């Protein structure tokens, strides 16, 4: 398939645009898989990872869109989560934040369900607590099948 694409890129080089997108390491492997490929791709754009502050802003936007919020302790815990998660394999920027928020919401629901029979306030139902964040495997040192004593698969 790459050979056919290379032929078309060469034949129609003045009016043919191809966009390859992916994580930097995987794209480098892709380009090195065929010597003709990297010589035909003249322009490379590198989009840096979001900063921790940008990831926190994304988390806040995701929570707000779903009518949730972090408690002040949860906000601090999520900042720590981002720092730890970034160091682990398979970090995916905003996708990792979205997945973490989704899992925290599930933990919050389980926490509230365990208190079934008690009266809840609107704030109880809308607030993610630090315990909902700190229950993540990231704080136990493992994530997405990665365990500290094992190399990631």
C-alpha atoms as a PDB file:
ATOM      1  CA  UNK A   1       0.000   0.000   0.000  1.00  0.00           C
ATOM      2  CA  UNK A   2       2.859   2.397   0.760  1.00  0.00           C
ATOM      3  CA  UNK A   3       4.388   1.773  -2.675  1.00  0.00           C
ATOM      4  CA  UNK A   4       1.125   2.736  -4.408  1.00  0.00           C
ATOM      5  CA  UNK A   5       0.837   5.830  -2.253  1.00  0.00           C
ATOM      6  CA  UNK A   6       4.435   6.772  -3.062  1.00  0.00           C
ATOM      7  CA  UNK A   7       3.736   6.385  -6.782  1.00  0.00           C
ATOM      8  CA  UNK A   8       0.717   8.695  -6.546  1.00  0.00           C
ATOM      9  CA  UNK A   9       2.623  11.185  -4.428  1.00  0.00           C
ATOM     10  CA  UNK A  10       5.321  11.320  -7.088  1.00  0.00           C
ATOM     11  CA  UNK A  11       2.963  11.389 -10.063  1.00  0.00           C
ATOM     12  CA  UNK A  12       0.634  14.053  -8.678  1.00  0.00           C
ATOM     13  CA  UNK A  13       3.042  15.978  -6.491  1.00  0.00           C
ATOM     14  CA  UNK A  14       1.759  19.438  -7.507  1.00  0.00           C
ATOM     15  CA  UNK A  15      -1.899  18.812  -6.665  1.00  0.00           C
ATOM     16  CA  UNK A  16      -1.909  15.926  -4.200  1.00  0.00           C
ATOM     17  CA  UNK A  17      -1.857  16.374  -0.435  1.00  0.00           C
ATOM     18  CA  UNK A  18      -1.304  13.544   2.021  1.00  0.00           C
ATOM     19  CA  UNK A  19      -1.520  13.984   5.767  1.00  0.00           C
ATOM     20  CA  UNK A  20       0.079  11.411   8.032  1.00  0.00           C
ATOM     21  CA  UNK A  21      -0.795  11.840  11.680  1.00  0.00           C
ATOM     22  CA  UNK A  22       0.345   9.997  14.761  1.00  0.00           C
ATOM     23  CA  UNK A  23       2.533  10.039  17.815  1.00  0.00           C
ATOM     24  CA  UNK A  24       6.085  11.182  17.088  1.00  0.00           C
ATOM     25  CA  UNK A  25       7.840   7.870  17.861  1.00  0.00           C
ATOM     26  CA  UNK A  26       5.402   5.869  15.749  1.00  0.00           C
ATOM     27  CA  UNK A  27       5.660   8.334  12.876  1.00  0.00           C
ATOM     28  CA  UNK A  28       9.458   8.088  12.942  1.00  0.00           C
ATOM     29  CA  UNK A  29       9.142   4.299  12.692  1.00  0.00           C
ATOM     30  CA  UNK A  30       6.642   4.716   9.850  1.00  0.00           C
ATOM     31  CA  UNK A  31       8.933   7.069   7.906  1.00  0.00           C
ATOM     32  CA  UNK A  32      11.949   4.820   8.404  1.00  0.00           C
ATOM     33  CA  UNK A  33       9.997   1.788   7.123  1.00  0.00           C
ATOM     34  CA  UNK A  34      10.434   3.020   3.546  1.00  0.00           C
ATOM     35  CA  UNK A  35      13.357   5.218   2.463  1.00  0.00           C
ATOM     36  CA  UNK A  36      11.329   6.840  -0.323  1.00  0.00           C
ATOM     37  CA  UNK A  37       8.632   7.959   2.062  1.00  0.00           C
ATOM     38  CA  UNK A  38      10.593  10.408   4.173  1.00  0.00           C
ATOM     39  CA  UNK A  39      12.214  11.962   1.088  1.00  0.00           C
ATOM     40  CA  UNK A  40       8.779  12.680  -0.418  1.00  0.00           C
ATOM     41  CA  UNK A  41       7.313  14.226   2.711  1.00  0.00           C
ATOM     42  CA  UNK A  42       8.730  17.719   2.806  1.00  0.00           C
ATOM     43  CA  UNK A  43       6.844  19.253   5.709  1.00  0.00           C
ATOM     44  CA  UNK A  44       6.508  17.907   9.227  1.00  0.00           C
ATOM     45  CA  UNK A  45       4.454  19.590  11.922  1.00  0.00           C
ATOM     46  CA  UNK A  46       5.058  18.621  15.515  1.00  0.00           C
ATOM     47  CA  UNK A  47       2.328  19.419  18.004  1.00  0.00           C
ATOM     48  CA  UNK A  48       3.787  19.409  21.527  1.00  0.00           C
ATOM     49  CA  UNK A  49       1.979  17.773  24.408  1.00  0.00           C
ATOM     50  CA  UNK A  50      -0.323  19.974  26.444  1.00  0.00           C
ATOM     51  CA  UNK A  51       1.187  21.470  29.598  1.00  0.00           C
ATOM     52  CA  UNK A  52      -0.094  20.361  32.997  1.00  0.00           C
ATOM     53  CA  UNK A  53      -1.993  23.659  33.282  1.00  0.00           C
ATOM     54  CA  UNK A  54      -3.622  23.120  29.882  1.00  0.00           C
ATOM     55  CA  UNK A  55      -4.615  19.581  30.857  1.00  0.00           C
ATOM     56  CA  UNK A  56      -6.177  20.917  34.067  1.00  0.00           C
ATOM     57  CA  UNK A  57      -8.115  23.470  32.009  1.00  0.00           C
ATOM     58  CA  UNK A  58      -9.316  20.657  29.733  1.00  0.00           C
ATOM     59  CA  UNK A  59     -10.396  18.661  32.797  1.00  0.00           C
ATOM     60  CA  UNK A  60     -12.321  21.665  34.121  1.00  0.00           C
ATOM     61  CA  UNK A  61     -14.063  22.134  30.761  1.00  0.00           C
ATOM     62  CA  UNK A  62     -15.010  18.452  30.599  1.00  0.00           C
ATOM     63  CA  UNK A  63     -16.376  18.531  34.135  1.00  0.00           C
ATOM     64  CA  UNK A  64     -18.280  21.762  33.565  1.00  0.00           C
ATOM     65  CA  UNK A  65     -19.867  20.394  30.377  1.00  0.00           C
ATOM     66  CA  UNK A  66     -21.192  17.462  32.416  1.00  0.00           C
ATOM     67  CA  UNK A  67     -22.225  19.642  35.389  1.00  0.00           C
ATOM     68  CA  UNK A  68     -19.524  18.244  37.672  1.00  0.00           C
ATOM     69  CA  UNK A  69     -16.710  19.915  39.568  1.00  0.00           C
ATOM     70  CA  UNK A  70     -13.668  18.958  41.608  1.00  0.00           C
ATOM     71  CA  UNK A  71     -13.550  19.604  45.322  1.00  0.00           C
ATOM     72  CA  UNK A  72     -10.442  21.630  46.205  1.00  0.00           C
ATOM     73  CA  UNK A  73      -8.747  18.429  47.415  1.00  0.00           C
ATOM     74  CA  UNK A  74      -9.738  16.630  44.206  1.00  0.00           C
ATOM     75  CA  UNK A  75      -8.314  19.472  42.152  1.00  0.00           C
ATOM     76  CA  UNK A  76      -4.984  19.022  43.933  1.00  0.00           C
ATOM     77  CA  UNK A  77      -5.189  15.231  43.522  1.00  0.00           C
ATOM     78  CA  UNK A  78      -5.889  15.576  39.798  1.00  0.00           C
ATOM     79  CA  UNK A  79      -2.875  17.856  39.361  1.00  0.00           C
ATOM     80  CA  UNK A  80      -0.790  15.120  40.961  1.00  0.00           C
ATOM     81  CA  UNK A  81      -2.540  12.514  38.796  1.00  0.00           C
ATOM     82  CA  UNK A  82      -1.504  14.372  35.627  1.00  0.00           C
ATOM     83  CA  UNK A  83       2.120  14.555  36.749  1.00  0.00           C
ATOM     84  CA  UNK A  84       2.205  10.835  37.500  1.00  0.00           C
ATOM     85  CA  UNK A  85       0.205   9.758  34.447  1.00  0.00           C
ATOM     86  CA  UNK A  86       2.452  11.697  32.103  1.00  0.00           C
ATOM     87  CA  UNK A  87       5.410   9.529  33.250  1.00  0.00           C
ATOM     88  CA  UNK A  88       3.658   6.237  32.469  1.00  0.00           C
ATOM     89  CA  UNK A  89       3.378   4.481  29.101  1.00  0.00           C
ATOM     90  CA  UNK A  90       0.555   5.258  26.684  1.00  0.00           C
ATOM     91  CA  UNK A  91      -0.039   8.812  27.882  1.00  0.00           C
ATOM     92  CA  UNK A  92      -2.447  10.390  25.396  1.00  0.00           C
ATOM     93  CA  UNK A  93      -2.819  14.034  26.448  1.00  0.00           C
ATOM     94  CA  UNK A  94      -6.471  15.144  26.497  1.00  0.00           C
ATOM     95  CA  UNK A  95      -7.701  11.585  25.868  1.00  0.00           C
ATOM     96  CA  UNK A  96      -5.972  10.439  29.067  1.00  0.00           C
ATOM     97  CA  UNK A  97      -7.634  13.319  30.930  1.00  0.00           C
ATOM     98  CA  UNK A  98     -11.060  12.456  29.489  1.00  0.00           C
ATOM     99  CA  UNK A  99     -10.628   8.788  30.429  1.00  0.00           C
ATOM    100  CA  UNK A 100      -9.517   9.728  33.954  1.00  0.00           C
ATOM    101  CA  UNK A 101     -12.551  12.000  34.393  1.00  0.00           C
ATOM    102  CA  UNK A 102     -14.867   9.223  33.185  1.00  0.00           C
ATOM    103  CA  UNK A 103     -13.361   6.756  35.662  1.00  0.00           C
ATOM    104  CA  UNK A 104     -13.505   9.310  38.496  1.00  0.00           C
ATOM    105  CA  UNK A 105     -17.215   9.842  37.762  1.00  0.00           C
ATOM    106  CA  UNK A 106     -17.767   6.073  37.990  1.00  0.00           C
ATOM    107  CA  UNK A 107     -15.906   5.950  41.313  1.00  0.00           C
ATOM    108  CA  UNK A 108     -17.982   8.888  42.549  1.00  0.00           C
ATOM    109  CA  UNK A 109     -21.182   7.045  41.574  1.00  0.00           C
ATOM    110  CA  UNK A 110     -19.986   3.911  43.385  1.00  0.00           C
ATOM    111  CA  UNK A 111     -19.059   5.956  46.452  1.00  0.00           C
ATOM    112  CA  UNK A 112     -22.516   7.533  46.548  1.00  0.00           C
ATOM    113  CA  UNK A 113     -24.226   4.211  45.859  1.00  0.00           C
ATOM    114  CA  UNK A 114     -22.455   2.766  48.915  1.00  0.00           C
ATOM    115  CA  UNK A 115     -24.228   5.463  50.957  1.00  0.00           C
ATOM    116  CA  UNK A 116     -27.641   4.527  49.570  1.00  0.00           C
ATOM    117  CA  UNK A 117     -30.400   5.497  51.937  1.00  0.00           C
ATOM    118  CA  UNK A 118     -28.711   8.731  52.972  1.00  0.00           C
ATOM    119  CA  UNK A 119     -29.923  12.078  51.723  1.00  0.00           C
ATOM    120  CA  UNK A 120     -27.707  13.692  49.094  1.00  0.00           C
ATOM    121  CA  UNK A 121     -27.327  17.340  48.275  1.00  0.00           C
ATOM    122  CA  UNK A 122     -26.961  18.658  44.757  1.00  0.00           C
ATOM    123  CA  UNK A 123     -23.291  19.318  45.570  1.00  0.00           C
ATOM    124  CA  UNK A 124     -22.820  15.682  46.633  1.00  0.00           C
ATOM    125  CA  UNK A 125     -24.086  14.568  43.240  1.00  0.00           C
ATOM    126  CA  UNK A 126     -21.978  17.047  41.281  1.00  0.00           C
ATOM    127  CA  UNK A 127     -18.652  16.944  43.144  1.00  0.00           C
ATOM    128  CA  UNK A 128     -15.721  14.661  42.423  1.00  0.00           C
ATOM    129  CA  UNK A 129     -13.743  14.120  45.623  1.00  0.00           C
ATOM    130  CA  UNK A 130     -10.019  13.464  46.055  1.00  0.00           C
ATOM    131  CA  UNK A 131     -10.755   9.831  46.953  1.00  0.00           C
ATOM    132  CA  UNK A 132     -12.395   9.392  43.528  1.00  0.00           C
ATOM    133  CA  UNK A 133      -9.123  10.489  41.919  1.00  0.00           C
ATOM    134  CA  UNK A 134      -6.665   8.797  44.274  1.00  0.00           C
ATOM    135  CA  UNK A 135      -8.360   5.413  43.772  1.00  0.00           C
ATOM    136  CA  UNK A 136      -6.805   5.389  40.286  1.00  0.00           C
ATOM    137  CA  UNK A 137      -4.234   2.730  39.461  1.00  0.00           C
ATOM    138  CA  UNK A 138      -1.906   5.613  38.595  1.00  0.00           C
ATOM    139  CA  UNK A 139      -1.441   6.207  42.327  1.00  0.00           C
ATOM    140  CA  UNK A 140      -0.746   2.502  42.849  1.00  0.00           C
ATOM    141  CA  UNK A 141       1.974   2.671  40.201  1.00  0.00           C
ATOM    142  CA  UNK A 142       0.180   0.739  37.493  1.00  0.00           C
ATOM    143  CA  UNK A 143      -1.907   1.774  34.541  1.00  0.00           C
ATOM    144  CA  UNK A 144      -3.343   0.217  31.394  1.00  0.00           C
ATOM    145  CA  UNK A 145      -1.847  -3.177  32.130  1.00  0.00           C
ATOM    146  CA  UNK A 146       1.502  -1.733  33.204  1.00  0.00           C
ATOM    147  CA  UNK A 147       2.740  -2.760  36.626  1.00  0.00           C
ATOM    148  CA  UNK A 148       5.868  -1.242  38.205  1.00  0.00           C
ATOM    149  CA  UNK A 149       7.789  -4.533  38.225  1.00  0.00           C
ATOM    150  CA  UNK A 150       6.958  -5.451  34.635  1.00  0.00           C
ATOM    151  CA  UNK A 151       7.913  -3.887  31.357  1.00  0.00           C
ATOM    152  CA  UNK A 152       4.923  -2.453  29.469  1.00  0.00           C
ATOM    153  CA  UNK A 153       3.413  -4.675  26.806  1.00  0.00           C
END
